[in-house]
């Protein structure tokens, strides 16, 4: 049984990200599981630092996007009023070179009435873990 609100689709998730940072960085949701979301982002000139590897801030933006979207689609309250990140951390474990694509998978740690905590793992195209992040969101309203 899925933890997500009824009617959630990949098309809807990707459409909701139009004209946002996620759109600018070319983030795209690719899979909806019963208790996870998966997305991809190419590592391009938009997301690298001068050494031509993925900027840590871009990894964090990717992780926060996945977790924030997960909050909004897991709760009627968040769906109606929104959810905002209140704390995020990230451990960068392996560099990712320009030209690669990263995949992020977000899963719940705790989904309460007002506070959600999400685990986000980011992999390179060789399925090597590159970053692990934890995001806490607060449901508004």
C-alpha atoms as a PDB file:
ATOM      1  CA  UNK A   1       0.000   0.000   0.000  1.00  0.00           C
ATOM      2  CA  UNK A   2       1.390   3.373  -1.040  1.00  0.00           C
ATOM      3  CA  UNK A   3       2.128   6.106   1.490  1.00  0.00           C
ATOM      4  CA  UNK A   4       1.523   8.824  -1.116  1.00  0.00           C
ATOM      5  CA  UNK A   5      -1.714  10.725  -1.640  1.00  0.00           C
ATOM      6  CA  UNK A   6      -4.002   9.377  -4.350  1.00  0.00           C
ATOM      7  CA  UNK A   7      -3.571  10.770  -7.826  1.00  0.00           C
ATOM      8  CA  UNK A   8       0.174  11.441  -7.604  1.00  0.00           C
ATOM      9  CA  UNK A   9       1.845  10.879 -10.992  1.00  0.00           C
ATOM     10  CA  UNK A  10       5.327  11.369 -12.412  1.00  0.00           C
ATOM     11  CA  UNK A  11       3.878  13.818 -14.931  1.00  0.00           C
ATOM     12  CA  UNK A  12       2.295  15.842 -12.129  1.00  0.00           C
ATOM     13  CA  UNK A  13       5.465  15.860 -10.037  1.00  0.00           C
ATOM     14  CA  UNK A  14       7.584  16.991 -12.952  1.00  0.00           C
ATOM     15  CA  UNK A  15       5.037  19.614 -14.029  1.00  0.00           C
ATOM     16  CA  UNK A  16       4.924  21.074 -10.510  1.00  0.00           C
ATOM     17  CA  UNK A  17       8.665  21.717 -10.709  1.00  0.00           C
ATOM     18  CA  UNK A  18       8.465  23.948 -13.792  1.00  0.00           C
ATOM     19  CA  UNK A  19      10.202  27.331 -13.434  1.00  0.00           C
ATOM     20  CA  UNK A  20      11.972  26.365 -10.210  1.00  0.00           C
ATOM     21  CA  UNK A  21      15.567  25.652  -9.239  1.00  0.00           C
ATOM     22  CA  UNK A  22      14.849  21.980  -9.848  1.00  0.00           C
ATOM     23  CA  UNK A  23      13.809  22.777 -13.401  1.00  0.00           C
ATOM     24  CA  UNK A  24      16.915  24.927 -13.921  1.00  0.00           C
ATOM     25  CA  UNK A  25      19.113  22.045 -12.729  1.00  0.00           C
ATOM     26  CA  UNK A  26      17.085  19.595 -14.898  1.00  0.00           C
ATOM     27  CA  UNK A  27      15.809  17.443 -12.009  1.00  0.00           C
ATOM     28  CA  UNK A  28      13.222  14.896 -13.136  1.00  0.00           C
ATOM     29  CA  UNK A  29      11.213  12.424 -11.089  1.00  0.00           C
ATOM     30  CA  UNK A  30      11.492   8.955 -12.609  1.00  0.00           C
ATOM     31  CA  UNK A  31       9.778   6.511 -10.247  1.00  0.00           C
ATOM     32  CA  UNK A  32       7.130   6.407  -7.543  1.00  0.00           C
ATOM     33  CA  UNK A  33       7.322   3.398  -5.226  1.00  0.00           C
ATOM     34  CA  UNK A  34       5.077   2.525  -2.299  1.00  0.00           C
ATOM     35  CA  UNK A  35       7.452   4.241   0.152  1.00  0.00           C
ATOM     36  CA  UNK A  36      10.048   6.002  -1.997  1.00  0.00           C
ATOM     37  CA  UNK A  37      10.491   8.508  -4.806  1.00  0.00           C
ATOM     38  CA  UNK A  38      13.311   8.415  -7.317  1.00  0.00           C
ATOM     39  CA  UNK A  39      14.643  11.295  -9.415  1.00  0.00           C
ATOM     40  CA  UNK A  40      17.581  12.044 -11.707  1.00  0.00           C
ATOM     41  CA  UNK A  41      19.700  15.092 -12.409  1.00  0.00           C
ATOM     42  CA  UNK A  42      22.432  15.469 -15.042  1.00  0.00           C
ATOM     43  CA  UNK A  43      25.745  16.870 -13.850  1.00  0.00           C
ATOM     44  CA  UNK A  44      26.240  19.826 -16.188  1.00  0.00           C
ATOM     45  CA  UNK A  45      27.887  23.247 -16.190  1.00  0.00           C
ATOM     46  CA  UNK A  46      24.837  24.409 -14.188  1.00  0.00           C
ATOM     47  CA  UNK A  47      25.685  22.136 -11.250  1.00  0.00           C
ATOM     48  CA  UNK A  48      29.488  21.803 -11.104  1.00  0.00           C
ATOM     49  CA  UNK A  49      32.181  23.679  -9.255  1.00  0.00           C
ATOM     50  CA  UNK A  50      35.387  24.911 -10.961  1.00  0.00           C
ATOM     51  CA  UNK A  51      37.050  21.462 -10.788  1.00  0.00           C
ATOM     52  CA  UNK A  52      34.150  20.239 -13.006  1.00  0.00           C
ATOM     53  CA  UNK A  53      32.709  17.966 -10.325  1.00  0.00           C
ATOM     54  CA  UNK A  54      29.243  18.160  -8.812  1.00  0.00           C
ATOM     55  CA  UNK A  55      28.952  21.113  -6.443  1.00  0.00           C
ATOM     56  CA  UNK A  56      27.993  20.084  -2.911  1.00  0.00           C
ATOM     57  CA  UNK A  57      25.289  22.745  -2.908  1.00  0.00           C
ATOM     58  CA  UNK A  58      23.735  21.189  -6.002  1.00  0.00           C
ATOM     59  CA  UNK A  59      23.632  17.815  -4.228  1.00  0.00           C
ATOM     60  CA  UNK A  60      21.913  19.457  -1.274  1.00  0.00           C
ATOM     61  CA  UNK A  61      19.431  21.278  -3.551  1.00  0.00           C
ATOM     62  CA  UNK A  62      18.647  17.925  -5.197  1.00  0.00           C
ATOM     63  CA  UNK A  63      18.198  16.216  -1.811  1.00  0.00           C
ATOM     64  CA  UNK A  64      15.999  19.007  -0.438  1.00  0.00           C
ATOM     65  CA  UNK A  65      13.832  18.939  -3.547  1.00  0.00           C
ATOM     66  CA  UNK A  66      13.236  15.199  -3.200  1.00  0.00           C
ATOM     67  CA  UNK A  67      12.425  15.427   0.507  1.00  0.00           C
ATOM     68  CA  UNK A  68      10.221  18.492   0.203  1.00  0.00           C
ATOM     69  CA  UNK A  69       8.197  16.956  -2.603  1.00  0.00           C
ATOM     70  CA  UNK A  70       7.877  13.741  -0.573  1.00  0.00           C
ATOM     71  CA  UNK A  71       6.463  15.764   2.346  1.00  0.00           C
ATOM     72  CA  UNK A  72       3.895  17.495   0.164  1.00  0.00           C
ATOM     73  CA  UNK A  73       2.603  14.291  -1.407  1.00  0.00           C
ATOM     74  CA  UNK A  74       2.515  12.280   1.840  1.00  0.00           C
ATOM     75  CA  UNK A  75       0.163  14.515   3.828  1.00  0.00           C
ATOM     76  CA  UNK A  76      -3.159  16.235   3.086  1.00  0.00           C
ATOM     77  CA  UNK A  77      -2.112  19.104   5.365  1.00  0.00           C
ATOM     78  CA  UNK A  78       1.196  19.555   3.502  1.00  0.00           C
ATOM     79  CA  UNK A  79      -0.526  19.149   0.146  1.00  0.00           C
ATOM     80  CA  UNK A  80      -2.905  21.996   1.018  1.00  0.00           C
ATOM     81  CA  UNK A  81      -0.490  24.335   2.843  1.00  0.00           C
ATOM     82  CA  UNK A  82       3.022  23.251   1.876  1.00  0.00           C
ATOM     83  CA  UNK A  83       6.070  22.029   3.737  1.00  0.00           C
ATOM     84  CA  UNK A  84       9.409  23.748   4.233  1.00  0.00           C
ATOM     85  CA  UNK A  85      12.853  22.456   5.046  1.00  0.00           C
ATOM     86  CA  UNK A  86      14.013  23.306   8.563  1.00  0.00           C
ATOM     87  CA  UNK A  87      17.261  21.312   8.671  1.00  0.00           C
ATOM     88  CA  UNK A  88      19.365  19.427   6.150  1.00  0.00           C
ATOM     89  CA  UNK A  89      22.717  17.721   6.304  1.00  0.00           C
ATOM     90  CA  UNK A  90      24.739  15.969   3.674  1.00  0.00           C
ATOM     91  CA  UNK A  91      27.784  13.756   3.665  1.00  0.00           C
ATOM     92  CA  UNK A  92      29.543  13.905   0.298  1.00  0.00           C
ATOM     93  CA  UNK A  93      31.150  10.498  -0.118  1.00  0.00           C
ATOM     94  CA  UNK A  94      32.373  10.416  -3.715  1.00  0.00           C
ATOM     95  CA  UNK A  95      32.954  13.055  -6.377  1.00  0.00           C
ATOM     96  CA  UNK A  96      30.751  12.999  -9.477  1.00  0.00           C
ATOM     97  CA  UNK A  97      32.230  14.304 -12.733  1.00  0.00           C
ATOM     98  CA  UNK A  98      30.537  16.603 -15.210  1.00  0.00           C
ATOM     99  CA  UNK A  99      28.699  14.551 -17.833  1.00  0.00           C
ATOM    100  CA  UNK A 100      27.460  11.939 -15.369  1.00  0.00           C
ATOM    101  CA  UNK A 101      23.881  11.665 -14.082  1.00  0.00           C
ATOM    102  CA  UNK A 102      22.950  11.308 -10.443  1.00  0.00           C
ATOM    103  CA  UNK A 103      19.952   9.418  -9.089  1.00  0.00           C
ATOM    104  CA  UNK A 104      18.345  10.246  -5.763  1.00  0.00           C
ATOM    105  CA  UNK A 105      16.070   8.036  -3.700  1.00  0.00           C
ATOM    106  CA  UNK A 106      14.060   9.511  -0.827  1.00  0.00           C
ATOM    107  CA  UNK A 107      12.501   7.333   1.878  1.00  0.00           C
ATOM    108  CA  UNK A 108      10.741   8.268   5.118  1.00  0.00           C
ATOM    109  CA  UNK A 109      12.367   8.090   8.519  1.00  0.00           C
ATOM    110  CA  UNK A 110       9.357   9.626  10.295  1.00  0.00           C
ATOM    111  CA  UNK A 111       6.208  11.228   8.889  1.00  0.00           C
ATOM    112  CA  UNK A 112       4.344  12.972  11.709  1.00  0.00           C
ATOM    113  CA  UNK A 113       1.549  15.545  11.687  1.00  0.00           C
ATOM    114  CA  UNK A 114       3.893  18.561  11.611  1.00  0.00           C
ATOM    115  CA  UNK A 115       7.445  17.206  11.302  1.00  0.00           C
ATOM    116  CA  UNK A 116       8.741  14.860   8.615  1.00  0.00           C
ATOM    117  CA  UNK A 117      12.252  13.406   8.484  1.00  0.00           C
ATOM    118  CA  UNK A 118      13.550  12.003   5.179  1.00  0.00           C
ATOM    119  CA  UNK A 119      16.561   9.938   4.147  1.00  0.00           C
ATOM    120  CA  UNK A 120      17.967  10.804   0.717  1.00  0.00           C
ATOM    121  CA  UNK A 121      20.679   8.733  -0.944  1.00  0.00           C
ATOM    122  CA  UNK A 122      22.351   9.982  -4.127  1.00  0.00           C
ATOM    123  CA  UNK A 123      24.131   7.614  -6.544  1.00  0.00           C
ATOM    124  CA  UNK A 124      26.229   8.121  -9.670  1.00  0.00           C
ATOM    125  CA  UNK A 125      25.513   6.327 -12.948  1.00  0.00           C
ATOM    126  CA  UNK A 126      27.596   3.340 -11.767  1.00  0.00           C
ATOM    127  CA  UNK A 127      25.242   2.949  -8.759  1.00  0.00           C
ATOM    128  CA  UNK A 128      27.945   4.095  -6.341  1.00  0.00           C
ATOM    129  CA  UNK A 129      26.729   6.000  -3.274  1.00  0.00           C
ATOM    130  CA  UNK A 130      27.990   9.588  -3.613  1.00  0.00           C
ATOM    131  CA  UNK A 131      26.012  11.494  -1.002  1.00  0.00           C
ATOM    132  CA  UNK A 132      23.727  10.705   1.891  1.00  0.00           C
ATOM    133  CA  UNK A 133      21.459  13.385   3.286  1.00  0.00           C
ATOM    134  CA  UNK A 134      18.813  13.780   5.963  1.00  0.00           C
ATOM    135  CA  UNK A 135      16.111  16.445   5.643  1.00  0.00           C
ATOM    136  CA  UNK A 136      13.641  17.611   8.277  1.00  0.00           C
ATOM    137  CA  UNK A 137      10.576  19.438   6.993  1.00  0.00           C
ATOM    138  CA  UNK A 138       7.821  21.271   8.802  1.00  0.00           C
ATOM    139  CA  UNK A 139       4.270  21.052   7.516  1.00  0.00           C
ATOM    140  CA  UNK A 140       2.652  24.483   7.252  1.00  0.00           C
ATOM    141  CA  UNK A 141      -0.910  25.450   8.098  1.00  0.00           C
END
